[in-house]
PDB file of N, CA and C in Angstrom:
ATOM      1  N   MET A   1      75.759  20.368 -73.926  1.00  0.00           N
ATOM      2  CA  MET A   1      76.772  20.800 -73.008  1.00  0.00           C
ATOM      3  C   MET A   1      76.241  20.885 -71.575  1.00  0.00           C
ATOM      4  N   ALA A   2      75.012  21.372 -71.439  1.00  0.00           N
ATOM      5  CA  ALA A   2      74.428  21.489 -70.113  1.00  0.00           C
ATOM      6  C   ALA A   2      74.212  20.118 -69.497  1.00  0.00           C
ATOM      7  N   LYS A   3      73.896  19.119 -70.331  1.00  0.00           N
ATOM      8  CA  LYS A   3      73.662  17.779 -69.806  1.00  0.00           C
ATOM      9  C   LYS A   3      74.958  17.176 -69.267  1.00  0.00           C
ATOM     10  N   SER A   4      76.059  17.430 -69.927  1.00  0.00           N
ATOM     11  CA  SER A   4      77.332  16.861 -69.471  1.00  0.00           C
ATOM     12  C   SER A   4      77.758  17.467 -68.140  1.00  0.00           C
ATOM     13  N   ARG A   5      77.462  18.751 -67.920  1.00  0.00           N
ATOM     14  CA  ARG A   5      77.804  19.375 -66.638  1.00  0.00           C
ATOM     15  C   ARG A   5      76.987  18.770 -65.497  1.00  0.00           C
ATOM     16  N   SER A   6      75.682  18.594 -65.720  1.00  0.00           N
ATOM     17  CA  SER A   6      74.854  18.045 -64.657  1.00  0.00           C
ATOM     18  C   SER A   6      75.233  16.612 -64.348  1.00  0.00           C
ATOM     19  N   LYS A   7      75.641  15.833 -65.380  1.00  0.00           N
ATOM     20  CA  LYS A   7      76.069  14.460 -65.131  1.00  0.00           C
ATOM     21  C   LYS A   7      77.366  14.437 -64.332  1.00  0.00           C
ATOM     22  N   SER A   8      78.283  15.346 -64.659  1.00  0.00           N
ATOM     23  CA  SER A   8      79.548  15.360 -63.938  1.00  0.00           C
ATOM     24  C   SER A   8      79.341  15.815 -62.495  1.00  0.00           C
ATOM     25  N   ARG A   9      78.403  16.721 -62.270  1.00  0.00           N
ATOM     26  CA  ARG A   9      78.114  17.149 -60.898  1.00  0.00           C
ATOM     27  C   ARG A   9      77.515  16.002 -60.092  1.00  0.00           C
ATOM     28  N   SER A  10      76.584  15.265 -60.678  1.00  0.00           N
ATOM     29  CA  SER A  10      75.969  14.165 -59.943  1.00  0.00           C
ATOM     30  C   SER A  10      76.980  13.076 -59.658  1.00  0.00           C
ATOM     31  N   LYS A  11      77.922  12.836 -60.580  1.00  0.00           N
ATOM     32  CA  LYS A  11      78.964  11.839 -60.335  1.00  0.00           C
ATOM     33  C   LYS A  11      79.889  12.294 -59.220  1.00  0.00           C
ATOM     34  N   ALA A  12      80.174  13.592 -59.176  1.00  0.00           N
ATOM     35  CA  ALA A  12      81.062  14.106 -58.136  1.00  0.00           C
ATOM     36  C   ALA A  12      80.401  13.966 -56.759  1.00  0.00           C
ATOM     37  N   LYS A  13      79.083  14.153 -56.704  1.00  0.00           N
ATOM     38  CA  LYS A  13      78.395  14.025 -55.422  1.00  0.00           C
ATOM     39  C   LYS A  13      78.358  12.579 -54.958  1.00  0.00           C
ATOM     40  N   THR A  14      78.159  11.660 -55.849  1.00  0.00           N
ATOM     41  CA  THR A  14      78.052  10.262 -55.456  1.00  0.00           C
ATOM     42  C   THR A  14      79.399   9.595 -55.296  1.00  0.00           C
ATOM     43  N   ALA A  15      80.446  10.187 -55.826  1.00  0.00           N
ATOM     44  CA  ALA A  15      81.765   9.551 -55.797  1.00  0.00           C
ATOM     45  C   ALA A  15      82.561   9.918 -54.548  1.00  0.00           C
ATOM     46  N   GLN A  16      81.908  10.430 -53.495  1.00  0.00           N
ATOM     47  CA  GLN A  16      82.630  10.790 -52.276  1.00  0.00           C
ATOM     48  C   GLN A  16      83.017   9.518 -51.527  1.00  0.00           C
ATOM     49  N   PRO A  17      84.214   9.486 -50.956  1.00  0.00           N
ATOM     50  CA  PRO A  17      84.642   8.285 -50.239  1.00  0.00           C
ATOM     51  C   PRO A  17      83.841   8.117 -48.944  1.00  0.00           C
ATOM     52  N   ALA A  18      83.593   6.877 -48.579  1.00  0.00           N
ATOM     53  CA  ALA A  18      82.858   6.581 -47.347  1.00  0.00           C
ATOM     54  C   ALA A  18      83.771   6.815 -46.147  1.00  0.00           C
ATOM     55  N   ALA A  19      83.185   7.268 -45.047  1.00  0.00           N
ATOM     56  CA  ALA A  19      83.963   7.519 -43.836  1.00  0.00           C
ATOM     57  C   ALA A  19      84.363   6.195 -43.218  1.00  0.00           C
ATOM     58  N   LYS A  20      85.557   6.150 -42.662  1.00  0.00           N
ATOM     59  CA  LYS A  20      86.047   4.938 -42.027  1.00  0.00           C
ATOM     60  C   LYS A  20      85.400   4.789 -40.654  1.00  0.00           C
ATOM     61  N   PRO A  21      84.893   3.613 -40.313  1.00  0.00           N
ATOM     62  CA  PRO A  21      84.270   3.440 -38.998  1.00  0.00           C
ATOM     63  C   PRO A  21      85.258   3.601 -37.857  1.00  0.00           C
ATOM     64  N   GLU A  22      86.533   3.243 -38.058  1.00  0.00           N
ATOM     65  CA  GLU A  22      87.512   3.386 -36.985  1.00  0.00           C
ATOM     66  C   GLU A  22      87.745   4.848 -36.646  1.00  0.00           C
ATOM     67  N   ALA A  23      87.761   5.706 -37.687  1.00  0.00           N
ATOM     68  CA  ALA A  23      88.000   7.134 -37.459  1.00  0.00           C
ATOM     69  C   ALA A  23      86.822   7.757 -36.743  1.00  0.00           C
ATOM     70  N   ALA A  24      85.601   7.336 -37.073  1.00  0.00           N
ATOM     71  CA  ALA A  24      84.420   7.892 -36.420  1.00  0.00           C
ATOM     72  C   ALA A  24      84.370   7.464 -34.959  1.00  0.00           C
ATOM     73  N   ALA A  25      84.790   6.249 -34.676  1.00  0.00           N
ATOM     74  CA  ALA A  25      84.763   5.773 -33.298  1.00  0.00           C
ATOM     75  C   ALA A  25      85.840   6.452 -32.464  1.00  0.00           C
ATOM     76  N   ALA A  26      86.946   6.834 -33.085  1.00  0.00           N
ATOM     77  CA  ALA A  26      88.041   7.453 -32.351  1.00  0.00           C
ATOM     78  C   ALA A  26      87.716   8.894 -31.963  1.00  0.00           C
ATOM     79  N   GLU A  27      86.827   9.557 -32.710  1.00  0.00           N
ATOM     80  CA  GLU A  27      86.486  10.947 -32.391  1.00  0.00           C
ATOM     81  C   GLU A  27      85.583  10.981 -31.167  1.00  0.00           C
ATOM     82  N   PRO A  28      85.730  11.998 -30.332  1.00  0.00           N
ATOM     83  CA  PRO A  28      84.836  12.101 -29.182  1.00  0.00           C
ATOM     84  C   PRO A  28      83.406  12.353 -29.644  1.00  0.00           C
ATOM     85  N   ALA A  29      82.450  11.843 -28.873  1.00  0.00           N
ATOM     86  CA  ALA A  29      81.036  11.977 -29.230  1.00  0.00           C
ATOM     87  C   ALA A  29      80.609  13.442 -29.226  1.00  0.00           C
ATOM     88  N   ALA A  30      81.183  14.251 -28.348  1.00  0.00           N
ATOM     89  CA  ALA A  30      80.804  15.656 -28.278  1.00  0.00           C
ATOM     90  C   ALA A  30      81.212  16.388 -29.543  1.00  0.00           C
ATOM     91  N   ALA A  31      82.352  16.016 -30.126  1.00  0.00           N
ATOM     92  CA  ALA A  31      82.808  16.692 -31.336  1.00  0.00           C
ATOM     93  C   ALA A  31      81.929  16.323 -32.517  1.00  0.00           C
ATOM     94  N   VAL A  32      81.411  15.128 -32.545  1.00  0.00           N
ATOM     95  CA  VAL A  32      80.560  14.698 -33.644  1.00  0.00           C
ATOM     96  C   VAL A  32      79.183  15.328 -33.538  1.00  0.00           C
ATOM     97  N   ALA A  33      78.607  15.360 -32.333  1.00  0.00           N
ATOM     98  CA  ALA A  33      77.246  15.819 -32.151  1.00  0.00           C
ATOM     99  C   ALA A  33      77.150  17.300 -31.784  1.00  0.00           C
ATOM    100  N   ALA A  34      78.257  17.994 -31.670  1.00  0.00           N
ATOM    101  CA  ALA A  34      78.222  19.387 -31.235  1.00  0.00           C
ATOM    102  C   ALA A  34      77.625  20.268 -32.324  1.00  0.00           C
ATOM    103  N   PRO A  35      76.631  21.089 -31.974  1.00  0.00           N
ATOM    104  CA  PRO A  35      76.068  22.000 -32.963  1.00  0.00           C
ATOM    105  C   PRO A  35      77.023  23.148 -33.236  1.00  0.00           C
ATOM    106  N   ALA A  36      76.786  23.819 -34.339  1.00  0.00           N
ATOM    107  CA  ALA A  36      77.661  24.923 -34.730  1.00  0.00           C
ATOM    108  C   ALA A  36      77.212  26.241 -34.099  1.00  0.00           C
ATOM    109  N   GLU A  37      76.413  26.181 -33.035  1.00  0.00           N
ATOM    110  CA  GLU A  37      75.930  27.392 -32.372  1.00  0.00           C
ATOM    111  C   GLU A  37      77.005  27.941 -31.441  1.00  0.00           C
ATOM    112  N   PRO A  38      77.016  29.240 -31.227  1.00  0.00           N
ATOM    113  CA  PRO A  38      77.983  29.803 -30.273  1.00  0.00           C
ATOM    114  C   PRO A  38      77.620  29.377 -28.850  1.00  0.00           C
ATOM    115  N   ALA A  39      78.602  29.362 -27.990  1.00  0.00           N
ATOM    116  CA  ALA A  39      78.387  28.968 -26.602  1.00  0.00           C
ATOM    117  C   ALA A  39      77.454  29.961 -25.919  1.00  0.00           C
ATOM    118  N   ALA A  40      76.574  29.447 -25.071  1.00  0.00           N
ATOM    119  CA  ALA A  40      75.621  30.303 -24.365  1.00  0.00           C
ATOM    120  C   ALA A  40      76.356  31.145 -23.327  1.00  0.00           C
ATOM    121  N   LYS A  41      75.980  32.387 -23.244  1.00  0.00           N
ATOM    122  CA  LYS A  41      76.589  33.281 -22.259  1.00  0.00           C
ATOM    123  C   LYS A  41      75.950  33.013 -20.898  1.00  0.00           C
ATOM    124  N   PRO A  42      76.726  33.037 -19.836  1.00  0.00           N
ATOM    125  CA  PRO A  42      76.121  32.842 -18.510  1.00  0.00           C
ATOM    126  C   PRO A  42      75.214  34.022 -18.181  1.00  0.00           C
ATOM    127  N   SER A  43      74.124  33.703 -17.499  1.00  0.00           N
ATOM    128  CA  SER A  43      73.188  34.762 -17.145  1.00  0.00           C
ATOM    129  C   SER A  43      73.820  35.670 -16.093  1.00  0.00           C
ATOM    130  N   PRO A  44      73.512  36.946 -16.144  1.00  0.00           N
ATOM    131  CA  PRO A  44      74.084  37.857 -15.146  1.00  0.00           C
ATOM    132  C   PRO A  44      73.504  37.568 -13.773  1.00  0.00           C
ATOM    133  N   ALA A  45      74.233  37.928 -12.756  1.00  0.00           N
ATOM    134  CA  ALA A  45      73.778  37.721 -11.380  1.00  0.00           C
ATOM    135  C   ALA A  45      72.523  38.555 -11.139  1.00  0.00           C
ATOM    136  N   PRO A  46      71.583  38.045 -10.335  1.00  0.00           N
ATOM    137  CA  PRO A  46      70.369  38.811 -10.076  1.00  0.00           C
ATOM    138  C   PRO A  46      70.688  40.124  -9.368  1.00  0.00           C
ATOM    139  N   ALA A  47      69.894  41.112  -9.667  1.00  0.00           N
ATOM    140  CA  ALA A  47      70.102  42.426  -9.065  1.00  0.00           C
ATOM    141  C   ALA A  47      69.840  42.350  -7.566  1.00  0.00           C
ATOM    142  N   ARG A  48      70.662  43.021  -6.818  1.00  0.00           N
ATOM    143  CA  ARG A  48      70.517  43.031  -5.363  1.00  0.00           C
ATOM    144  C   ARG A  48      69.767  44.290  -4.942  1.00  0.00           C
ATOM    145  N   GLY A  49      68.484  44.299  -5.177  1.00  0.00           N
ATOM    146  CA  GLY A  49      67.686  45.448  -4.802  1.00  0.00           C
ATOM    147  C   GLY A  49      66.871  45.143  -3.561  1.00  0.00           C
ATOM    148  N   PRO A  50      66.165  46.120  -3.067  1.00  0.00           N
ATOM    149  CA  PRO A  50      65.315  45.879  -1.900  1.00  0.00           C
ATOM    150  C   PRO A  50      64.177  44.923  -2.256  1.00  0.00           C
ATOM    151  N   ARG A  51      63.807  44.116  -1.304  1.00  0.00           N
ATOM    152  CA  ARG A  51      62.714  43.170  -1.510  1.00  0.00           C
ATOM    153  C   ARG A  51      61.522  43.626  -0.690  1.00  0.00           C
ATOM    154  N   ARG A  52      60.345  43.360  -1.205  1.00  0.00           N
ATOM    155  CA  ARG A  52      59.139  43.721  -0.468  1.00  0.00           C
ATOM    156  C   ARG A  52      58.307  42.468  -0.258  1.00  0.00           C
ATOM    157  N   ILE A  53      57.516  42.453   0.789  1.00  0.00           N
ATOM    158  CA  ILE A  53      56.674  41.303   1.106  1.00  0.00           C
ATOM    159  C   ILE A  53      55.399  41.404   0.278  1.00  0.00           C
ATOM    160  N   VAL A  54      55.038  40.321  -0.361  1.00  0.00           N
ATOM    161  CA  VAL A  54      53.794  40.249  -1.127  1.00  0.00           C
ATOM    162  C   VAL A  54      52.738  39.667  -0.183  1.00  0.00           C
ATOM    163  N   TRP A  55      51.991  40.554   0.453  1.00  0.00           N
ATOM    164  CA  TRP A  55      51.057  40.139   1.493  1.00  0.00           C
ATOM    165  C   TRP A  55      49.934  39.264   0.958  1.00  0.00           C
ATOM    166  N   LEU A  56      49.550  39.438  -0.279  1.00  0.00           N
ATOM    167  CA  LEU A  56      48.497  38.597  -0.853  1.00  0.00           C
ATOM    168  C   LEU A  56      48.943  37.134  -0.886  1.00  0.00           C
ATOM    169  N   HIS A  57      50.195  36.895  -1.260  1.00  0.00           N
ATOM    170  CA  HIS A  57      50.708  35.527  -1.289  1.00  0.00           C
ATOM    171  C   HIS A  57      50.843  34.958   0.117  1.00  0.00           C
ATOM    172  N   VAL A  58      51.305  35.779   1.052  1.00  0.00           N
ATOM    173  CA  VAL A  58      51.476  35.326   2.433  1.00  0.00           C
ATOM    174  C   VAL A  58      50.122  34.938   3.029  1.00  0.00           C
ATOM    175  N   LEU A  59      49.126  35.779   2.833  1.00  0.00           N
ATOM    176  CA  LEU A  59      47.801  35.492   3.384  1.00  0.00           C
ATOM    177  C   LEU A  59      47.159  34.280   2.718  1.00  0.00           C
ATOM    178  N   THR A  60      47.372  34.126   1.429  1.00  0.00           N
ATOM    179  CA  THR A  60      46.822  32.965   0.733  1.00  0.00           C
ATOM    180  C   THR A  60      47.408  31.676   1.278  1.00  0.00           C
ATOM    181  N   VAL A  61      48.725  31.634   1.426  1.00  0.00           N
ATOM    182  CA  VAL A  61      49.381  30.420   1.927  1.00  0.00           C
ATOM    183  C   VAL A  61      48.988  30.164   3.377  1.00  0.00           C
ATOM    184  N   MET A  62      48.903  31.205   4.195  1.00  0.00           N
ATOM    185  CA  MET A  62      48.491  31.025   5.590  1.00  0.00           C
ATOM    186  C   MET A  62      47.073  30.483   5.684  1.00  0.00           C
ATOM    187  N   SER A  63      46.168  31.015   4.875  1.00  0.00           N
ATOM    188  CA  SER A  63      44.777  30.568   4.925  1.00  0.00           C
ATOM    189  C   SER A  63      44.636  29.110   4.521  1.00  0.00           C
ATOM    190  N   VAL A  64      45.308  28.740   3.453  1.00  0.00           N
ATOM    191  CA  VAL A  64      45.226  27.355   2.995  1.00  0.00           C
ATOM    192  C   VAL A  64      45.922  26.432   3.986  1.00  0.00           C
ATOM    193  N   THR A  65      46.992  26.889   4.599  1.00  0.00           N
ATOM    194  CA  THR A  65      47.693  26.073   5.595  1.00  0.00           C
ATOM    195  C   THR A  65      46.793  25.811   6.796  1.00  0.00           C
ATOM    196  N   ILE A  66      46.051  26.797   7.242  1.00  0.00           N
ATOM    197  CA  ILE A  66      45.124  26.605   8.364  1.00  0.00           C
ATOM    198  C   ILE A  66      44.034  25.609   7.987  1.00  0.00           C
ATOM    199  N   LEU A  67      43.490  25.744   6.785  1.00  0.00           N
ATOM    200  CA  LEU A  67      42.435  24.845   6.340  1.00  0.00           C
ATOM    201  C   LEU A  67      42.943  23.401   6.235  1.00  0.00           C
ATOM    202  N   ILE A  68      44.051  23.207   5.578  1.00  0.00           N
ATOM    203  CA  ILE A  68      44.587  21.855   5.400  1.00  0.00           C
ATOM    204  C   ILE A  68      45.126  21.309   6.720  1.00  0.00           C
ATOM    205  N   GLY A  69      45.700  22.180   7.547  1.00  0.00           N
ATOM    206  CA  GLY A  69      46.209  21.745   8.847  1.00  0.00           C
ATOM    207  C   GLY A  69      45.100  21.206   9.740  1.00  0.00           C
ATOM    208  N   ALA A  70      43.938  21.851   9.707  1.00  0.00           N
ATOM    209  CA  ALA A  70      42.813  21.354  10.504  1.00  0.00           C
ATOM    210  C   ALA A  70      42.409  19.957  10.053  1.00  0.00           C
ATOM    211  N   GLU A  71      42.427  19.722   8.767  1.00  0.00           N
ATOM    212  CA  GLU A  71      42.069  18.398   8.249  1.00  0.00           C
ATOM    213  C   GLU A  71      43.140  17.361   8.601  1.00  0.00           C
ATOM    214  N   VAL A  72      44.405  17.720   8.424  1.00  0.00           N
ATOM    215  CA  VAL A  72      45.494  16.766   8.681  1.00  0.00           C
ATOM    216  C   VAL A  72      45.548  16.401  10.157  1.00  0.00           C
ATOM    217  N   PHE A  73      45.496  17.389  11.050  1.00  0.00           N
ATOM    218  CA  PHE A  73      45.598  17.093  12.469  1.00  0.00           C
ATOM    219  C   PHE A  73      44.325  16.456  13.009  1.00  0.00           C
ATOM    220  N   GLY A  74      43.182  16.796  12.432  1.00  0.00           N
ATOM    221  CA  GLY A  74      41.943  16.101  12.802  1.00  0.00           C
ATOM    222  C   GLY A  74      42.001  14.633  12.422  1.00  0.00           C
ATOM    223  N   ALA A  75      42.519  14.348  11.233  1.00  0.00           N
ATOM    224  CA  ALA A  75      42.668  12.954  10.806  1.00  0.00           C
ATOM    225  C   ALA A  75      43.694  12.231  11.667  1.00  0.00           C
ATOM    226  N   ALA A  76      44.732  12.935  12.113  1.00  0.00           N
ATOM    227  CA  ALA A  76      45.749  12.309  12.969  1.00  0.00           C
ATOM    228  C   ALA A  76      45.149  11.903  14.316  1.00  0.00           C
ATOM    229  N   PHE A  77      44.382  12.804  14.922  1.00  0.00           N
ATOM    230  CA  PHE A  77      43.743  12.466  16.194  1.00  0.00           C
ATOM    231  C   PHE A  77      42.720  11.354  16.023  1.00  0.00           C
ATOM    232  N   ALA A  78      41.943  11.397  14.948  1.00  0.00           N
ATOM    233  CA  ALA A  78      40.946  10.354  14.712  1.00  0.00           C
ATOM    234  C   ALA A  78      41.610   8.998  14.506  1.00  0.00           C
ATOM    235  N   ALA A  79      42.720   8.974  13.764  1.00  0.00           N
ATOM    236  CA  ALA A  79      43.416   7.710  13.518  1.00  0.00           C
ATOM    237  C   ALA A  79      44.009   7.159  14.805  1.00  0.00           C
ATOM    238  N   SER A  80      44.608   8.028  15.623  1.00  0.00           N
ATOM    239  CA  SER A  80      45.195   7.529  16.873  1.00  0.00           C
ATOM    240  C   SER A  80      44.104   7.030  17.822  1.00  0.00           C
ATOM    241  N   TRP A  81      42.980   7.708  17.893  1.00  0.00           N
ATOM    242  CA  TRP A  81      41.875   7.254  18.734  1.00  0.00           C
ATOM    243  C   TRP A  81      41.338   5.912  18.242  1.00  0.00           C
ATOM    244  N   ALA A  82      41.133   5.799  16.917  1.00  0.00           N
ATOM    245  CA  ALA A  82      40.573   4.569  16.365  1.00  0.00           C
ATOM    246  C   ALA A  82      41.508   3.389  16.574  1.00  0.00           C
ATOM    247  N   LEU A  83      42.789   3.573  16.318  1.00  0.00           N
ATOM    248  CA  LEU A  83      43.730   2.468  16.470  1.00  0.00           C
ATOM    249  C   LEU A  83      43.937   2.081  17.933  1.00  0.00           C
ATOM    250  N   SER A  84      43.985   3.085  18.821  1.00  0.00           N
ATOM    251  CA  SER A  84      44.174   2.754  20.230  1.00  0.00           C
ATOM    252  C   SER A  84      42.944   2.048  20.794  1.00  0.00           C
ATOM    253  N   THR A  85      41.760   2.390  20.321  1.00  0.00           N
ATOM    254  CA  THR A  85      40.549   1.706  20.759  1.00  0.00           C
ATOM    255  C   THR A  85      40.475   0.303  20.158  1.00  0.00           C
ATOM    256  N   LEU A  86      40.803   0.182  18.872  1.00  0.00           N
ATOM    257  CA  LEU A  86      40.729  -1.110  18.190  1.00  0.00           C
ATOM    258  C   LEU A  86      41.664  -2.133  18.826  1.00  0.00           C
ATOM    259  N   PHE A  87      42.886  -1.714  19.120  1.00  0.00           N
ATOM    260  CA  PHE A  87      43.865  -2.641  19.675  1.00  0.00           C
ATOM    261  C   PHE A  87      43.954  -2.573  21.199  1.00  0.00           C
ATOM    262  N   ASP A  88      43.073  -1.786  21.837  1.00  0.00           N
ATOM    263  CA  ASP A  88      43.011  -1.650  23.292  1.00  0.00           C
ATOM    264  C   ASP A  88      44.392  -1.365  23.874  1.00  0.00           C
ATOM    265  N   LEU A  89      44.974  -0.252  23.414  1.00  0.00           N
ATOM    266  CA  LEU A  89      46.331   0.112  23.807  1.00  0.00           C
ATOM    267  C   LEU A  89      46.406   0.842  25.141  1.00  0.00           C
ATOM    268  N   GLY A  90      45.311   1.325  25.642  1.00  0.00           N
ATOM    269  CA  GLY A  90      45.314   2.039  26.912  1.00  0.00           C
ATOM    270  C   GLY A  90      45.738   3.495  26.721  1.00  0.00           C
ATOM    271  N   GLY A  91      45.901   4.186  27.839  1.00  0.00           N
ATOM    272  CA  GLY A  91      46.209   5.621  27.805  1.00  0.00           C
ATOM    273  C   GLY A  91      47.582   5.935  27.236  1.00  0.00           C
ATOM    274  N   ILE A  92      48.582   5.164  27.632  1.00  0.00           N
ATOM    275  CA  ILE A  92      49.944   5.429  27.164  1.00  0.00           C
ATOM    276  C   ILE A  92      50.064   5.113  25.675  1.00  0.00           C
ATOM    277  N   GLY A  93      49.471   4.030  25.246  1.00  0.00           N
ATOM    278  CA  GLY A  93      49.500   3.671  23.824  1.00  0.00           C
ATOM    279  C   GLY A  93      48.782   4.709  22.972  1.00  0.00           C
ATOM    280  N   ALA A  94      47.654   5.244  23.514  1.00  0.00           N
ATOM    281  CA  ALA A  94      46.910   6.275  22.776  1.00  0.00           C
ATOM    282  C   ALA A  94      47.749   7.537  22.632  1.00  0.00           C
ATOM    283  N   ARG A  95      48.436   7.921  23.724  1.00  0.00           N
ATOM    284  CA  ARG A  95      49.280   9.133  23.645  1.00  0.00           C
ATOM    285  C   ARG A  95      50.470   8.913  22.714  1.00  0.00           C
ATOM    286  N   ALA A  96      51.021   7.713  22.697  1.00  0.00           N
ATOM    287  CA  ALA A  96      52.138   7.421  21.795  1.00  0.00           C
ATOM    288  C   ALA A  96      51.687   7.528  20.338  1.00  0.00           C
ATOM    289  N   LEU A  97      50.487   6.991  20.050  1.00  0.00           N
ATOM    290  CA  LEU A  97      49.957   7.129  18.694  1.00  0.00           C
ATOM    291  C   LEU A  97      49.642   8.588  18.367  1.00  0.00           C
ATOM    292  N   ASP A  98      49.133   9.340  19.361  1.00  0.00           N
ATOM    293  CA  ASP A  98      48.883  10.777  19.144  1.00  0.00           C
ATOM    294  C   ASP A  98      50.170  11.483  18.727  1.00  0.00           C
ATOM    295  N   ILE A  99      51.242  11.224  19.449  1.00  0.00           N
ATOM    296  CA  ILE A  99      52.522  11.874  19.146  1.00  0.00           C
ATOM    297  C   ILE A  99      53.018  11.455  17.772  1.00  0.00           C
ATOM    298  N   PHE A 100      52.937  10.155  17.477  1.00  0.00           N
ATOM    299  CA  PHE A 100      53.398   9.663  16.178  1.00  0.00           C
ATOM    300  C   PHE A 100      52.630  10.316  15.030  1.00  0.00           C
ATOM    301  N   PHE A 101      51.297  10.304  15.124  1.00  0.00           N
ATOM    302  CA  PHE A 101      50.499  10.879  14.035  1.00  0.00           C
ATOM    303  C   PHE A 101      50.622  12.402  13.979  1.00  0.00           C
ATOM    304  N   MET A 102      50.847  13.048  15.113  1.00  0.00           N
ATOM    305  CA  MET A 102      51.060  14.497  15.097  1.00  0.00           C
ATOM    306  C   MET A 102      52.375  14.838  14.389  1.00  0.00           C
ATOM    307  N   LEU A 103      53.413  14.057  14.644  1.00  0.00           N
ATOM    308  CA  LEU A 103      54.686  14.290  13.955  1.00  0.00           C
ATOM    309  C   LEU A 103      54.541  14.056  12.448  1.00  0.00           C
ATOM    310  N   CYS A 104      53.759  13.046  12.084  1.00  0.00           N
ATOM    311  CA  CYS A 104      53.472  12.840  10.652  1.00  0.00           C
ATOM    312  C   CYS A 104      52.737  14.044  10.079  1.00  0.00           C
ATOM    313  N   GLY A 105      51.778  14.570  10.824  1.00  0.00           N
ATOM    314  CA  GLY A 105      51.032  15.749  10.377  1.00  0.00           C
ATOM    315  C   GLY A 105      51.919  16.975  10.236  1.00  0.00           C
ATOM    316  N   VAL A 106      52.853  17.155  11.170  1.00  0.00           N
ATOM    317  CA  VAL A 106      53.788  18.279  11.068  1.00  0.00           C
ATOM    318  C   VAL A 106      54.652  18.134   9.819  1.00  0.00           C
ATOM    319  N   GLY A 107      55.115  16.925   9.544  1.00  0.00           N
ATOM    320  CA  GLY A 107      55.909  16.698   8.328  1.00  0.00           C
ATOM    321  C   GLY A 107      55.119  17.008   7.062  1.00  0.00           C
ATOM    322  N   ILE A 108      53.871  16.588   7.034  1.00  0.00           N
ATOM    323  CA  ILE A 108      53.016  16.878   5.874  1.00  0.00           C
ATOM    324  C   ILE A 108      52.818  18.378   5.706  1.00  0.00           C
ATOM    325  N   MET A 109      52.599  19.087   6.803  1.00  0.00           N
ATOM    326  CA  MET A 109      52.366  20.528   6.713  1.00  0.00           C
ATOM    327  C   MET A 109      53.631  21.280   6.306  1.00  0.00           C
ATOM    328  N   VAL A 110      54.782  20.839   6.773  1.00  0.00           N
ATOM    329  CA  VAL A 110      56.044  21.486   6.367  1.00  0.00           C
ATOM    330  C   VAL A 110      56.256  21.311   4.869  1.00  0.00           C
ATOM    331  N   GLN A 111      56.006  20.109   4.372  1.00  0.00           N
ATOM    332  CA  GLN A 111      56.130  19.885   2.928  1.00  0.00           C
ATOM    333  C   GLN A 111      55.143  20.741   2.154  1.00  0.00           C
ATOM    334  N   PHE A 112      53.931  20.881   2.665  1.00  0.00           N
ATOM    335  CA  PHE A 112      52.931  21.687   1.980  1.00  0.00           C
ATOM    336  C   PHE A 112      53.341  23.158   1.911  1.00  0.00           C
ATOM    337  N   VAL A 113      53.808  23.703   3.025  1.00  0.00           N
ATOM    338  CA  VAL A 113      54.188  25.120   3.046  1.00  0.00           C
ATOM    339  C   VAL A 113      55.397  25.367   2.143  1.00  0.00           C
ATOM    340  N   ARG A 114      56.338  24.448   2.111  1.00  0.00           N
ATOM    341  CA  ARG A 114      57.503  24.611   1.228  1.00  0.00           C
ATOM    342  C   ARG A 114      57.081  24.593  -0.239  1.00  0.00           C
ATOM    343  N   ALA A 115      56.177  23.694  -0.594  1.00  0.00           N
ATOM    344  CA  ALA A 115      55.700  23.638  -1.978  1.00  0.00           C
ATOM    345  C   ALA A 115      54.878  24.881  -2.320  1.00  0.00           C
ATOM    346  N   ALA A 116      54.062  25.349  -1.386  1.00  0.00           N
ATOM    347  CA  ALA A 116      53.260  26.547  -1.627  1.00  0.00           C
ATOM    348  C   ALA A 116      54.147  27.779  -1.756  1.00  0.00           C
ATOM    349  N   HIS A 117      55.249  27.821  -1.003  1.00  0.00           N
ATOM    350  CA  HIS A 117      56.168  28.961  -1.079  1.00  0.00           C
ATOM    351  C   HIS A 117      56.841  29.037  -2.445  1.00  0.00           C
ATOM    352  N   LYS A 118      57.090  27.887  -3.071  1.00  0.00           N
ATOM    353  CA  LYS A 118      57.674  27.891  -4.412  1.00  0.00           C
ATOM    354  C   LYS A 118      56.688  28.455  -5.430  1.00  0.00           C
ATOM    355  N   ILE A 119      55.414  28.158  -5.250  1.00  0.00           N
ATOM    356  CA  ILE A 119      54.397  28.627  -6.190  1.00  0.00           C
ATOM    357  C   ILE A 119      54.019  30.073  -5.921  1.00  0.00           C
ATOM    358  N   GLU A 120      53.876  30.422  -4.665  1.00  0.00           N
ATOM    359  CA  GLU A 120      53.509  31.786  -4.261  1.00  0.00           C
ATOM    360  C   GLU A 120      54.655  32.384  -3.448  1.00  0.00           C
ATOM    361  N   PRO A 121      55.658  32.969  -4.090  1.00  0.00           N
ATOM    362  CA  PRO A 121      56.791  33.521  -3.327  1.00  0.00           C
ATOM    363  C   PRO A 121      56.330  34.650  -2.405  1.00  0.00           C
ATOM    364  N   PHE A 122      56.898  34.665  -1.195  1.00  0.00           N
ATOM    365  CA  PHE A 122      56.485  35.647  -0.194  1.00  0.00           C
ATOM    366  C   PHE A 122      57.114  37.015  -0.410  1.00  0.00           C
ATOM    367  N   THR A 123      58.204  37.094  -1.150  1.00  0.00           N
ATOM    368  CA  THR A 123      58.852  38.380  -1.391  1.00  0.00           C
ATOM    369  C   THR A 123      59.060  38.577  -2.889  1.00  0.00           C
ATOM    370  N   ALA A 124      59.205  39.859  -3.260  1.00  0.00           N
ATOM    371  CA  ALA A 124      59.451  40.217  -4.660  1.00  0.00           C
ATOM    372  C   ALA A 124      60.384  41.416  -4.692  1.00  0.00           C
ATOM    373  N   ARG A 125      61.060  41.596  -5.791  1.00  0.00           N
ATOM    374  CA  ARG A 125      61.935  42.763  -5.945  1.00  0.00           C
ATOM    375  C   ARG A 125      61.086  44.017  -6.093  1.00  0.00           C
ATOM    376  N   ALA A 126      61.529  45.069  -5.455  1.00  0.00           N
ATOM    377  CA  ALA A 126      60.790  46.335  -5.513  1.00  0.00           C
ATOM    378  C   ALA A 126      60.975  47.046  -6.816  1.00  0.00           C
TER     379      ALA A 126
END
C-alpha cells in the first residue's frame, strides 16, 4: 500500500502541464522575477542636530593639501619653464604657459580636496 502511494505522488509531480511560452512572454518581467520579500521601508530623514567641526580631519586634509600642492605647483612651474625654453617662446609665451599650468594645478588641487573631504568629513553630528 505504501508503494502505491509513493508511485501516485511521483506521477502527480511529473504530470504537471508545461507552461505556455506565450503566457510567460506576456507577463511583465518584474512580476516573474519579483521576490516575495516585503517592500523596503524608506530610511528616515537624518536628524537635524548641531554639527561640530572635526579638527583632526581638517588639519589632516590641510596638511596633505599643502604637501601635494607644493609638488603640483612646482611641477607646473618646471614644465612651463622647460617648454618655454625648449621652444624659445620668450617672456610672453613663458607667462602664458605659467598661467595654463597653474590653472591645471588649481583644478588638480580642487579635485584632491573634494575627494579628501569625502573620506575625511570636516563636520560630524554632536
